[in-house]
N, C-alpha and C. Protein backbone atom coordinates (compact mmCIF):
# COMPACT_ATOMS: atom_id res chain seq x y z
N MET A 1 75.06 127.72 93.73
CA MET A 1 75.57 128.60 92.68
C MET A 1 74.48 129.06 91.73
N GLY A 2 73.27 128.49 91.82
CA GLY A 2 72.16 128.95 91.00
C GLY A 2 71.87 128.06 89.81
N PRO A 3 70.67 128.24 89.21
CA PRO A 3 70.24 127.38 88.09
C PRO A 3 71.14 127.47 86.86
N GLY A 4 71.82 128.61 86.67
CA GLY A 4 72.66 128.78 85.49
C GLY A 4 74.14 128.68 85.80
N LYS A 5 74.51 127.87 86.78
CA LYS A 5 75.88 127.86 87.30
C LYS A 5 76.91 127.52 86.23
N GLY A 6 78.11 128.04 86.44
CA GLY A 6 79.23 127.73 85.56
C GLY A 6 79.95 126.48 86.02
N THR A 7 81.01 126.13 85.29
CA THR A 7 81.79 124.94 85.62
C THR A 7 83.25 125.32 85.83
N ILE A 8 84.06 124.34 86.16
CA ILE A 8 85.48 124.58 86.40
C ILE A 8 86.31 123.72 85.45
N GLY A 9 87.52 124.17 85.18
CA GLY A 9 88.42 123.43 84.31
C GLY A 9 88.78 124.25 83.10
N ASN A 10 89.76 123.78 82.33
CA ASN A 10 90.09 124.47 81.08
C ASN A 10 88.86 124.57 80.20
N TYR A 11 88.61 125.76 79.67
CA TYR A 11 87.47 126.01 78.77
C TYR A 11 86.14 125.76 79.48
N ALA A 12 86.06 126.11 80.76
CA ALA A 12 84.82 125.94 81.53
C ALA A 12 83.76 126.90 81.02
N ARG A 13 82.50 126.51 81.20
CA ARG A 13 81.39 127.37 80.75
C ARG A 13 81.13 128.49 81.75
N GLY A 14 80.63 129.62 81.21
CA GLY A 14 80.25 130.75 82.05
C GLY A 14 78.85 130.57 82.61
N ALA A 15 78.57 131.26 83.70
CA ALA A 15 77.25 131.19 84.33
C ALA A 15 76.25 132.08 83.60
N GLY A 16 74.96 131.74 83.70
CA GLY A 16 73.91 132.50 83.05
C GLY A 16 72.88 133.02 84.02
N TYR A 17 72.14 134.06 83.58
CA TYR A 17 70.95 134.56 84.29
C TYR A 17 70.09 135.34 83.30
N GLY A 18 70.38 136.64 83.09
CA GLY A 18 69.64 137.40 82.08
C GLY A 18 70.04 137.02 80.67
N GLY A 19 71.32 136.71 80.50
CA GLY A 19 71.85 136.17 79.24
C GLY A 19 72.57 134.88 79.53
N VAL A 20 72.67 134.01 78.54
CA VAL A 20 73.36 132.74 78.76
C VAL A 20 74.86 132.98 78.94
N GLY A 21 75.50 132.08 79.68
CA GLY A 21 76.94 132.13 79.80
C GLY A 21 77.61 131.58 78.55
N GLY A 22 78.88 131.88 78.39
CA GLY A 22 79.61 131.36 77.25
C GLY A 22 79.76 129.85 77.32
N ASP A 23 79.78 129.22 76.15
CA ASP A 23 79.93 127.76 76.08
C ASP A 23 81.25 127.30 76.67
N GLY A 24 81.21 126.13 77.30
CA GLY A 24 82.43 125.46 77.70
C GLY A 24 82.80 124.40 76.67
N THR A 25 84.06 124.05 76.61
CA THR A 25 84.52 122.99 75.71
C THR A 25 85.54 122.14 76.46
N SER A 26 86.18 121.24 75.78
CA SER A 26 87.21 120.38 76.36
C SER A 26 86.64 119.61 77.54
N GLU A 27 87.24 119.76 78.77
CA GLU A 27 86.82 118.93 79.89
C GLU A 27 85.35 119.12 80.27
N SER A 28 84.84 120.35 80.13
CA SER A 28 83.47 120.61 80.60
C SER A 28 82.41 120.11 79.64
N LEU A 29 82.65 120.23 78.33
CA LEU A 29 81.73 119.71 77.32
C LEU A 29 80.29 120.09 77.58
N ARG A 30 80.04 121.36 77.88
CA ARG A 30 78.69 121.78 78.19
C ARG A 30 78.38 123.11 77.52
N THR A 31 77.08 123.34 77.29
CA THR A 31 76.65 124.65 76.82
C THR A 31 76.70 125.63 77.98
N GLY A 32 76.70 126.92 77.65
CA GLY A 32 76.77 127.95 78.68
C GLY A 32 75.60 127.90 79.63
N GLY A 33 75.80 128.47 80.83
CA GLY A 33 74.75 128.49 81.85
C GLY A 33 73.48 129.13 81.33
N GLU A 34 72.34 128.57 81.70
CA GLU A 34 71.05 128.96 81.13
C GLU A 34 70.50 130.23 81.76
N THR A 35 69.50 130.82 81.07
CA THR A 35 68.74 131.95 81.61
C THR A 35 67.57 131.41 82.44
N TYR A 36 67.04 132.26 83.32
CA TYR A 36 65.93 131.82 84.17
C TYR A 36 65.27 133.04 84.80
N GLY A 37 64.07 132.85 85.35
CA GLY A 37 63.38 133.92 86.07
C GLY A 37 62.67 134.90 85.15
N THR A 38 61.89 135.80 85.78
CA THR A 38 61.13 136.79 85.04
C THR A 38 62.03 137.93 84.55
N ASN A 39 61.70 138.47 83.38
CA ASN A 39 62.45 139.60 82.85
C ASN A 39 61.86 140.94 83.26
N ILE A 40 60.64 140.97 83.76
CA ILE A 40 59.99 142.24 84.10
C ILE A 40 60.33 142.68 85.52
N TRP A 41 60.15 141.80 86.49
CA TRP A 41 60.44 142.15 87.89
C TRP A 41 61.57 141.25 88.39
N PRO A 42 62.81 141.55 88.03
CA PRO A 42 63.91 140.66 88.40
C PRO A 42 64.15 140.65 89.91
N SER A 43 64.33 139.47 90.46
CA SER A 43 64.57 139.35 91.90
C SER A 43 65.58 138.26 92.25
N ALA A 44 65.94 137.43 91.29
CA ALA A 44 66.85 136.32 91.57
C ALA A 44 68.30 136.81 91.62
N LEU A 45 69.13 136.01 92.27
CA LEU A 45 70.56 136.26 92.24
C LEU A 45 71.14 135.72 90.94
N GLY A 46 72.19 136.36 90.46
CA GLY A 46 72.90 135.80 89.32
C GLY A 46 73.62 134.53 89.73
N SER A 47 73.69 133.57 88.84
CA SER A 47 74.37 132.31 89.16
C SER A 47 75.89 132.52 89.22
N GLY A 48 76.53 131.74 90.08
CA GLY A 48 77.96 131.83 90.23
C GLY A 48 78.68 130.78 89.41
N SER A 49 79.98 130.96 89.30
CA SER A 49 80.82 129.90 88.75
C SER A 49 81.43 129.16 89.94
N THR A 50 82.32 128.26 89.69
CA THR A 50 82.86 127.45 90.78
C THR A 50 83.66 128.26 91.78
N ALA A 51 84.20 129.40 91.38
CA ALA A 51 85.03 130.18 92.30
C ALA A 51 84.63 131.64 92.37
N SER A 52 83.57 132.05 91.67
CA SER A 52 83.15 133.45 91.66
C SER A 52 81.66 133.53 91.93
N SER A 53 81.27 134.54 92.70
CA SER A 53 79.86 134.71 93.06
C SER A 53 79.10 135.46 91.97
N GLY A 54 77.83 135.07 91.79
CA GLY A 54 76.96 135.81 90.89
C GLY A 54 76.56 137.15 91.50
N GLY A 55 76.01 138.02 90.66
CA GLY A 55 75.59 139.33 91.13
C GLY A 55 74.43 139.23 92.12
N GLY A 56 74.31 140.23 92.98
CA GLY A 56 73.26 140.25 93.99
C GLY A 56 71.93 140.72 93.43
N ALA A 57 70.98 141.00 94.34
CA ALA A 57 69.65 141.48 93.96
C ALA A 57 69.34 142.73 94.77
N VAL A 58 69.06 143.85 94.08
CA VAL A 58 68.80 145.13 94.73
C VAL A 58 67.48 145.69 94.22
N TRP A 59 66.58 146.05 95.15
CA TRP A 59 65.35 146.75 94.81
C TRP A 59 65.40 148.11 95.49
N LEU A 60 65.19 149.18 94.73
CA LEU A 60 65.09 150.54 95.26
C LEU A 60 63.73 151.10 94.87
N ILE A 61 62.89 151.37 95.87
CA ILE A 61 61.53 151.84 95.62
C ILE A 61 61.29 153.12 96.40
N SER A 62 60.88 154.18 95.69
CA SER A 62 60.66 155.48 96.31
C SER A 62 59.35 156.08 95.82
N GLU A 63 58.68 156.83 96.69
CA GLU A 63 57.46 157.52 96.26
C GLU A 63 57.79 158.76 95.44
N GLY A 64 59.01 159.25 95.55
CA GLY A 64 59.41 160.45 94.82
C GLY A 64 60.51 160.17 93.82
N GLU A 65 61.54 161.00 93.86
CA GLU A 65 62.65 160.92 92.90
C GLU A 65 63.79 160.07 93.46
N ILE A 66 64.44 159.33 92.58
CA ILE A 66 65.69 158.64 92.92
C ILE A 66 66.80 159.26 92.08
N LEU A 67 67.81 159.79 92.76
CA LEU A 67 68.96 160.41 92.10
C LEU A 67 70.11 159.41 92.10
N VAL A 68 70.58 159.06 90.91
CA VAL A 68 71.70 158.12 90.79
C VAL A 68 72.89 158.88 90.21
N ASP A 69 73.77 159.32 91.09
CA ASP A 69 75.00 159.98 90.64
C ASP A 69 76.23 159.13 90.95
N GLY A 70 76.04 158.06 91.66
CA GLY A 70 77.12 157.12 91.94
C GLY A 70 76.98 155.88 91.08
N ARG A 71 77.32 154.74 91.66
CA ARG A 71 77.31 153.47 90.91
C ARG A 71 76.52 152.44 91.69
N ILE A 72 75.47 151.92 91.07
CA ILE A 72 74.70 150.81 91.64
C ILE A 72 75.08 149.57 90.85
N SER A 73 75.72 148.62 91.51
CA SER A 73 76.28 147.47 90.79
C SER A 73 75.79 146.16 91.37
N VAL A 74 75.33 145.29 90.47
CA VAL A 74 75.05 143.89 90.80
C VAL A 74 75.82 143.02 89.80
N ASP A 75 77.05 143.42 89.53
CA ASP A 75 77.90 142.69 88.59
C ASP A 75 78.24 141.29 89.10
N GLY A 76 78.38 140.36 88.17
CA GLY A 76 78.89 139.04 88.51
C GLY A 76 80.40 139.08 88.68
N GLY A 77 80.92 138.14 89.44
CA GLY A 77 82.35 138.11 89.70
C GLY A 77 83.14 137.60 88.51
N GLY A 78 84.34 138.13 88.36
CA GLY A 78 85.25 137.63 87.34
C GLY A 78 85.95 136.37 87.82
N ALA A 79 86.81 135.85 86.99
CA ALA A 79 87.51 134.61 87.34
C ALA A 79 88.36 134.81 88.58
N ALA A 80 88.09 134.01 89.62
CA ALA A 80 88.83 134.13 90.87
C ALA A 80 90.03 133.19 90.93
N THR A 81 90.03 132.17 90.10
CA THR A 81 91.16 131.25 90.02
C THR A 81 91.50 131.02 88.56
N ALA A 82 92.58 130.33 88.31
CA ALA A 82 93.07 130.16 86.94
C ALA A 82 92.10 129.40 86.05
N LEU A 83 91.27 128.54 86.63
CA LEU A 83 90.40 127.70 85.80
C LEU A 83 88.92 128.00 86.02
N SER A 84 88.57 129.10 86.66
CA SER A 84 87.15 129.40 86.89
C SER A 84 86.62 130.32 85.80
N ALA A 85 85.34 130.16 85.50
CA ALA A 85 84.67 130.98 84.48
C ALA A 85 84.02 132.19 85.13
N GLY A 86 83.44 133.07 84.29
CA GLY A 86 82.77 134.25 84.79
C GLY A 86 81.40 133.93 85.36
N ALA A 87 81.01 134.67 86.42
CA ALA A 87 79.69 134.53 87.02
C ALA A 87 78.71 135.47 86.32
N ALA A 88 77.42 135.23 86.51
CA ALA A 88 76.39 136.04 85.86
C ALA A 88 76.06 137.29 86.68
N GLY A 89 75.65 138.34 85.97
CA GLY A 89 75.15 139.54 86.64
C GLY A 89 73.86 139.24 87.38
N GLY A 90 73.50 140.08 88.33
CA GLY A 90 72.33 139.87 89.17
C GLY A 90 71.13 140.71 88.76
N SER A 91 70.30 141.09 89.75
CA SER A 91 69.03 141.78 89.52
C SER A 91 69.05 143.18 90.12
N LEU A 92 68.52 144.14 89.35
CA LEU A 92 68.34 145.50 89.85
C LEU A 92 66.97 145.99 89.42
N LEU A 93 66.14 146.37 90.41
CA LEU A 93 64.82 146.93 90.14
C LEU A 93 64.74 148.30 90.80
N ILE A 94 64.39 149.31 90.02
CA ILE A 94 64.22 150.67 90.54
C ILE A 94 62.82 151.15 90.19
N VAL A 95 62.09 151.63 91.19
CA VAL A 95 60.73 152.12 91.01
C VAL A 95 60.64 153.50 91.67
N ALA A 96 60.26 154.52 90.90
CA ALA A 96 60.21 155.87 91.44
C ALA A 96 59.34 156.75 90.55
N GLY A 97 58.99 157.93 91.09
CA GLY A 97 58.28 158.90 90.27
C GLY A 97 59.16 159.39 89.13
N GLN A 98 60.45 159.58 89.43
CA GLN A 98 61.41 160.03 88.43
C GLN A 98 62.79 159.51 88.81
N VAL A 99 63.59 159.19 87.81
CA VAL A 99 64.97 158.77 88.03
C VAL A 99 65.88 159.75 87.30
N THR A 100 66.78 160.38 88.04
CA THR A 100 67.66 161.39 87.46
C THR A 100 69.11 161.09 87.83
N GLY A 101 70.01 161.89 87.26
CA GLY A 101 71.42 161.77 87.58
C GLY A 101 72.25 161.38 86.38
N SER A 102 73.53 161.15 86.64
CA SER A 102 74.46 160.77 85.58
C SER A 102 75.38 159.65 86.04
N GLY A 103 74.89 158.81 86.92
CA GLY A 103 75.69 157.71 87.46
C GLY A 103 75.59 156.45 86.62
N MET A 104 75.74 155.30 87.30
CA MET A 104 75.77 154.01 86.60
C MET A 104 74.85 153.01 87.30
N MET A 105 74.12 152.25 86.49
CA MET A 105 73.35 151.10 86.95
C MET A 105 73.84 149.91 86.14
N VAL A 106 74.49 148.96 86.79
CA VAL A 106 75.18 147.91 86.04
C VAL A 106 74.89 146.53 86.61
N ALA A 107 74.68 145.59 85.70
CA ALA A 107 74.45 144.18 86.05
C ALA A 107 75.22 143.31 85.06
N ARG A 108 76.52 143.53 85.00
CA ARG A 108 77.35 142.88 83.98
C ARG A 108 77.79 141.48 84.40
N GLY A 109 77.97 140.64 83.40
CA GLY A 109 78.56 139.33 83.65
C GLY A 109 80.04 139.45 83.93
N GLY A 110 80.59 138.46 84.63
CA GLY A 110 82.00 138.48 84.98
C GLY A 110 82.90 138.14 83.81
N SER A 111 84.01 138.86 83.70
CA SER A 111 85.00 138.59 82.66
C SER A 111 86.14 137.75 83.24
N VAL A 112 86.89 137.11 82.36
CA VAL A 112 87.90 136.16 82.84
C VAL A 112 89.33 136.52 82.47
N GLY A 113 89.55 137.66 81.86
CA GLY A 113 90.91 138.06 81.55
C GLY A 113 91.60 137.08 80.62
N GLY A 114 92.78 136.60 81.01
CA GLY A 114 93.53 135.71 80.15
C GLY A 114 93.23 134.24 80.36
N ASN A 115 92.26 133.91 81.21
CA ASN A 115 91.96 132.50 81.47
C ASN A 115 91.33 131.83 80.25
N PRO A 116 91.58 130.54 80.04
CA PRO A 116 90.93 129.81 78.94
C PRO A 116 89.54 129.33 79.35
N THR A 117 88.70 130.27 79.80
CA THR A 117 87.35 129.95 80.27
C THR A 117 86.39 131.00 79.74
N ALA A 118 85.09 130.71 79.83
CA ALA A 118 84.07 131.57 79.22
C ALA A 118 83.58 132.66 80.18
N GLY A 119 83.06 133.74 79.60
CA GLY A 119 82.51 134.84 80.39
C GLY A 119 81.11 134.53 80.89
N GLY A 120 80.67 135.30 81.89
CA GLY A 120 79.33 135.15 82.44
C GLY A 120 78.30 135.98 81.70
N GLY A 121 77.06 135.51 81.67
CA GLY A 121 75.98 136.25 81.04
C GLY A 121 75.60 137.48 81.86
N GLY A 122 75.04 138.47 81.18
CA GLY A 122 74.58 139.68 81.87
C GLY A 122 73.38 139.40 82.76
N GLY A 123 73.10 140.33 83.65
CA GLY A 123 71.98 140.19 84.57
C GLY A 123 70.70 140.82 84.04
N LYS A 124 69.88 141.37 84.95
CA LYS A 124 68.60 141.96 84.57
C LYS A 124 68.39 143.27 85.32
N ILE A 125 67.96 144.29 84.57
CA ILE A 125 67.65 145.59 85.16
C ILE A 125 66.28 146.03 84.67
N THR A 126 65.41 146.43 85.60
CA THR A 126 64.13 147.04 85.25
C THR A 126 63.99 148.36 86.00
N VAL A 127 63.60 149.41 85.27
CA VAL A 127 63.31 150.70 85.89
C VAL A 127 61.87 151.07 85.52
N LEU A 128 61.03 151.28 86.55
CA LEU A 128 59.65 151.72 86.37
C LEU A 128 59.53 153.12 86.95
N TYR A 129 59.04 154.07 86.14
CA TYR A 129 58.93 155.43 86.64
C TYR A 129 57.66 156.09 86.12
N GLY A 130 57.27 157.19 86.77
CA GLY A 130 56.09 157.94 86.37
C GLY A 130 55.10 158.06 87.51
N GLU A 131 54.14 158.94 87.34
CA GLU A 131 53.12 159.18 88.36
C GLU A 131 51.89 158.32 88.12
N THR A 132 51.27 157.87 89.16
CA THR A 132 51.44 158.18 90.58
C THR A 132 51.95 156.96 91.32
N ALA A 133 52.23 157.12 92.63
CA ALA A 133 52.68 155.99 93.43
C ALA A 133 51.65 154.88 93.44
N LEU A 134 50.37 155.25 93.45
CA LEU A 134 49.30 154.25 93.45
C LEU A 134 49.34 153.43 92.17
N LYS A 135 49.53 154.10 91.04
CA LYS A 135 49.61 153.37 89.76
C LYS A 135 50.84 152.46 89.72
N ARG A 136 51.95 152.96 90.23
CA ARG A 136 53.16 152.13 90.24
C ARG A 136 52.95 150.86 91.07
N ASP A 137 52.26 151.02 92.20
CA ASP A 137 51.97 149.85 93.04
C ASP A 137 51.10 148.85 92.29
N LYS A 138 50.12 149.35 91.54
CA LYS A 138 49.25 148.46 90.77
C LYS A 138 50.03 147.73 89.68
N ILE A 139 50.96 148.44 89.05
CA ILE A 139 51.79 147.81 88.01
C ILE A 139 52.65 146.71 88.62
N LEU A 140 53.25 147.00 89.77
CA LEU A 140 54.06 145.98 90.45
C LEU A 140 53.23 144.76 90.82
N ALA A 141 51.93 144.99 91.06
CA ALA A 141 51.04 143.89 91.43
C ALA A 141 50.52 143.12 90.21
N GLY A 142 50.92 143.56 88.99
CA GLY A 142 50.54 142.80 87.81
C GLY A 142 49.77 143.56 86.75
N ARG A 143 49.41 144.83 87.00
CA ARG A 143 48.64 145.61 86.03
C ARG A 143 49.57 146.24 84.99
N LEU A 144 50.15 145.40 84.14
CA LEU A 144 51.09 145.90 83.14
C LEU A 144 50.42 146.74 82.07
N ASP A 145 49.08 146.68 81.98
CA ASP A 145 48.36 147.52 81.03
C ASP A 145 48.45 149.00 81.40
N LEU A 146 48.89 149.31 82.62
CA LEU A 146 49.03 150.70 83.05
C LEU A 146 50.41 151.28 82.73
N ALA A 147 51.26 150.48 82.09
CA ALA A 147 52.62 150.93 81.77
C ALA A 147 52.93 150.68 80.31
N ARG A 148 53.94 151.38 79.81
CA ARG A 148 54.41 151.16 78.45
C ARG A 148 55.93 151.09 78.45
N ALA A 149 56.46 150.29 77.55
CA ALA A 149 57.91 150.18 77.42
C ALA A 149 58.44 151.39 76.67
N VAL A 150 59.54 151.95 77.15
CA VAL A 150 60.16 153.11 76.51
C VAL A 150 61.65 152.81 76.31
N ASP A 151 62.30 153.66 75.51
CA ASP A 151 63.69 153.40 75.14
C ASP A 151 64.72 153.87 76.16
N GLY A 152 64.32 154.77 77.05
CA GLY A 152 65.30 155.31 78.01
C GLY A 152 64.61 156.06 79.12
N LEU A 153 65.41 156.80 79.89
CA LEU A 153 64.90 157.53 81.05
C LEU A 153 65.10 159.03 80.83
N ALA A 154 64.00 159.77 80.72
CA ALA A 154 64.10 161.22 80.62
C ALA A 154 64.66 161.76 81.93
N GLY A 155 65.70 162.58 81.83
CA GLY A 155 66.29 163.15 83.04
C GLY A 155 67.48 162.38 83.57
N PHE A 156 67.76 161.21 83.00
CA PHE A 156 68.93 160.43 83.42
C PHE A 156 69.86 160.29 82.22
N ASP A 157 71.12 160.72 82.37
CA ASP A 157 72.05 160.63 81.25
C ASP A 157 73.29 159.81 81.60
N GLY A 158 73.14 158.90 82.54
CA GLY A 158 74.23 158.01 82.90
C GLY A 158 74.21 156.73 82.09
N GLU A 159 74.84 155.69 82.63
CA GLU A 159 74.98 154.41 81.94
C GLU A 159 74.10 153.35 82.60
N VAL A 160 73.37 152.61 81.77
CA VAL A 160 72.59 151.46 82.24
C VAL A 160 72.98 150.27 81.37
N THR A 161 73.55 149.23 81.96
CA THR A 161 74.01 148.11 81.14
C THR A 161 73.93 146.79 81.89
N ALA A 162 73.60 145.76 81.14
CA ALA A 162 73.65 144.37 81.63
C ALA A 162 74.50 143.56 80.65
N ALA A 163 75.66 144.11 80.31
CA ALA A 163 76.52 143.50 79.29
C ALA A 163 77.11 142.18 79.78
N ALA A 164 77.36 141.30 78.82
CA ALA A 164 78.01 140.02 79.12
C ALA A 164 79.48 140.24 79.46
N GLY A 165 80.03 139.29 80.21
CA GLY A 165 81.45 139.31 80.49
C GLY A 165 82.24 138.74 79.31
N SER A 166 83.46 139.17 79.17
CA SER A 166 84.30 138.66 78.09
C SER A 166 85.05 137.42 78.55
N GLY A 167 85.40 136.58 77.61
CA GLY A 167 86.12 135.36 77.93
C GLY A 167 86.41 134.58 76.67
N TYR A 168 86.99 133.42 76.85
CA TYR A 168 87.31 132.54 75.72
C TYR A 168 86.34 131.38 75.70
N THR A 169 85.87 131.03 74.51
CA THR A 169 85.11 129.79 74.37
C THR A 169 85.48 129.14 73.05
N GLY A 170 85.69 127.85 73.08
CA GLY A 170 85.90 127.11 71.84
C GLY A 170 84.59 126.61 71.28
N GLY A 171 83.48 126.88 71.99
CA GLY A 171 82.16 126.49 71.51
C GLY A 171 81.56 127.56 70.62
N GLU A 172 80.29 127.38 70.26
CA GLU A 172 79.63 128.30 69.34
C GLU A 172 79.13 129.56 70.03
N GLN A 173 78.78 129.47 71.30
CA GLN A 173 78.07 130.55 71.97
C GLN A 173 78.97 131.36 72.90
N GLN A 174 79.17 132.63 72.57
CA GLN A 174 79.79 133.53 73.53
C GLN A 174 78.75 133.91 74.58
N ALA A 175 79.20 134.41 75.71
CA ALA A 175 78.27 134.90 76.72
C ALA A 175 77.39 136.00 76.12
N GLU A 176 76.12 136.04 76.54
CA GLU A 176 75.16 137.00 76.00
C GLU A 176 74.88 138.12 76.99
N ASP A 177 74.54 139.30 76.43
CA ASP A 177 74.08 140.40 77.26
C ASP A 177 72.79 140.00 77.98
N GLY A 178 72.54 140.64 79.11
CA GLY A 178 71.32 140.40 79.86
C GLY A 178 70.16 141.25 79.35
N VAL A 179 69.24 141.58 80.25
CA VAL A 179 67.99 142.23 79.89
C VAL A 179 67.88 143.57 80.62
N VAL A 180 67.58 144.64 79.86
CA VAL A 180 67.31 145.95 80.43
C VAL A 180 65.93 146.39 79.97
N VAL A 181 65.05 146.73 80.93
CA VAL A 181 63.67 147.12 80.62
C VAL A 181 63.38 148.46 81.27
N PHE A 182 62.87 149.42 80.47
CA PHE A 182 62.40 150.69 81.00
C PHE A 182 60.88 150.74 80.83
N LEU A 183 60.17 150.97 81.92
CA LEU A 183 58.71 151.05 81.89
C LEU A 183 58.27 152.41 82.41
N GLN A 184 57.36 153.05 81.68
CA GLN A 184 56.80 154.34 82.11
C GLN A 184 55.32 154.17 82.39
N VAL A 185 54.88 154.74 83.51
CA VAL A 185 53.46 154.76 83.81
C VAL A 185 52.75 155.55 82.72
N ILE A 186 51.69 154.99 82.16
CA ILE A 186 50.92 155.70 81.13
C ILE A 186 50.19 156.86 81.78
N PRO A 187 50.45 158.09 81.33
CA PRO A 187 49.78 159.25 81.96
C PRO A 187 48.27 159.17 81.81
N ALA A 188 47.58 159.71 82.80
CA ALA A 188 46.12 159.74 82.74
C ALA A 188 45.68 160.67 81.62
N GLY A 189 44.59 160.29 80.94
CA GLY A 189 44.05 161.14 79.89
C GLY A 189 43.40 162.38 80.48
N GLY A 190 43.46 163.47 79.73
CA GLY A 190 42.85 164.71 80.20
C GLY A 190 41.35 164.74 79.93
N THR A 191 40.71 165.77 80.43
CA THR A 191 39.27 165.97 80.25
C THR A 191 39.05 167.22 79.40
N VAL A 192 38.24 167.09 78.38
CA VAL A 192 37.92 168.23 77.52
C VAL A 192 36.49 168.66 77.79
N LEU A 193 36.31 169.95 78.14
CA LEU A 193 34.97 170.50 78.38
C LEU A 193 34.59 171.38 77.20
N MET A 194 33.42 171.11 76.64
CA MET A 194 32.92 171.94 75.54
C MET A 194 31.80 172.83 76.08
N VAL A 195 32.00 174.14 75.97
CA VAL A 195 31.02 175.09 76.49
C VAL A 195 30.41 175.84 75.31
N ARG A 196 29.09 175.86 75.28
CA ARG A 196 28.40 176.57 74.19
C ARG A 196 27.73 177.82 74.72
């Protein structure tokens, strides 16, 4: 079920990955499932609860444009039985020259509806874009100095979320949102020629 696995029983804890799962109380007496793995290049599966699977791991890498007009989901599972907690969202990595469209990229934690159990933590999403393919490959290999963090994706007006799942907890910690990272390749500097 993974390093951040959830538990079973009344007030069971939610699973964690990008964000911690909600606290369990009563029979489980445990803090929510823990976070783990890298936040920059996510590749792990989201942890599951006792009856629900964590989100999967998807990498999409293109030398050109990636158009997202549909839904790319690595959501964690919701409560599958009366006493199971929410599972954690999984991993989504997208690398391209440009990402466009108006679709959805989601890595949400599982919600539990009316169950007396906690929600799952959100997953992890990283999008790296910009020219050139060679630079993107170097960044993936560890040259983070060639990229900069940005607030969003120019040309994409859809939804990107790693939100936590909803649920009940009698503990202090509700399930937490996961991690969303946008990285842009730093453009090459131009050359100025002075002619006299």
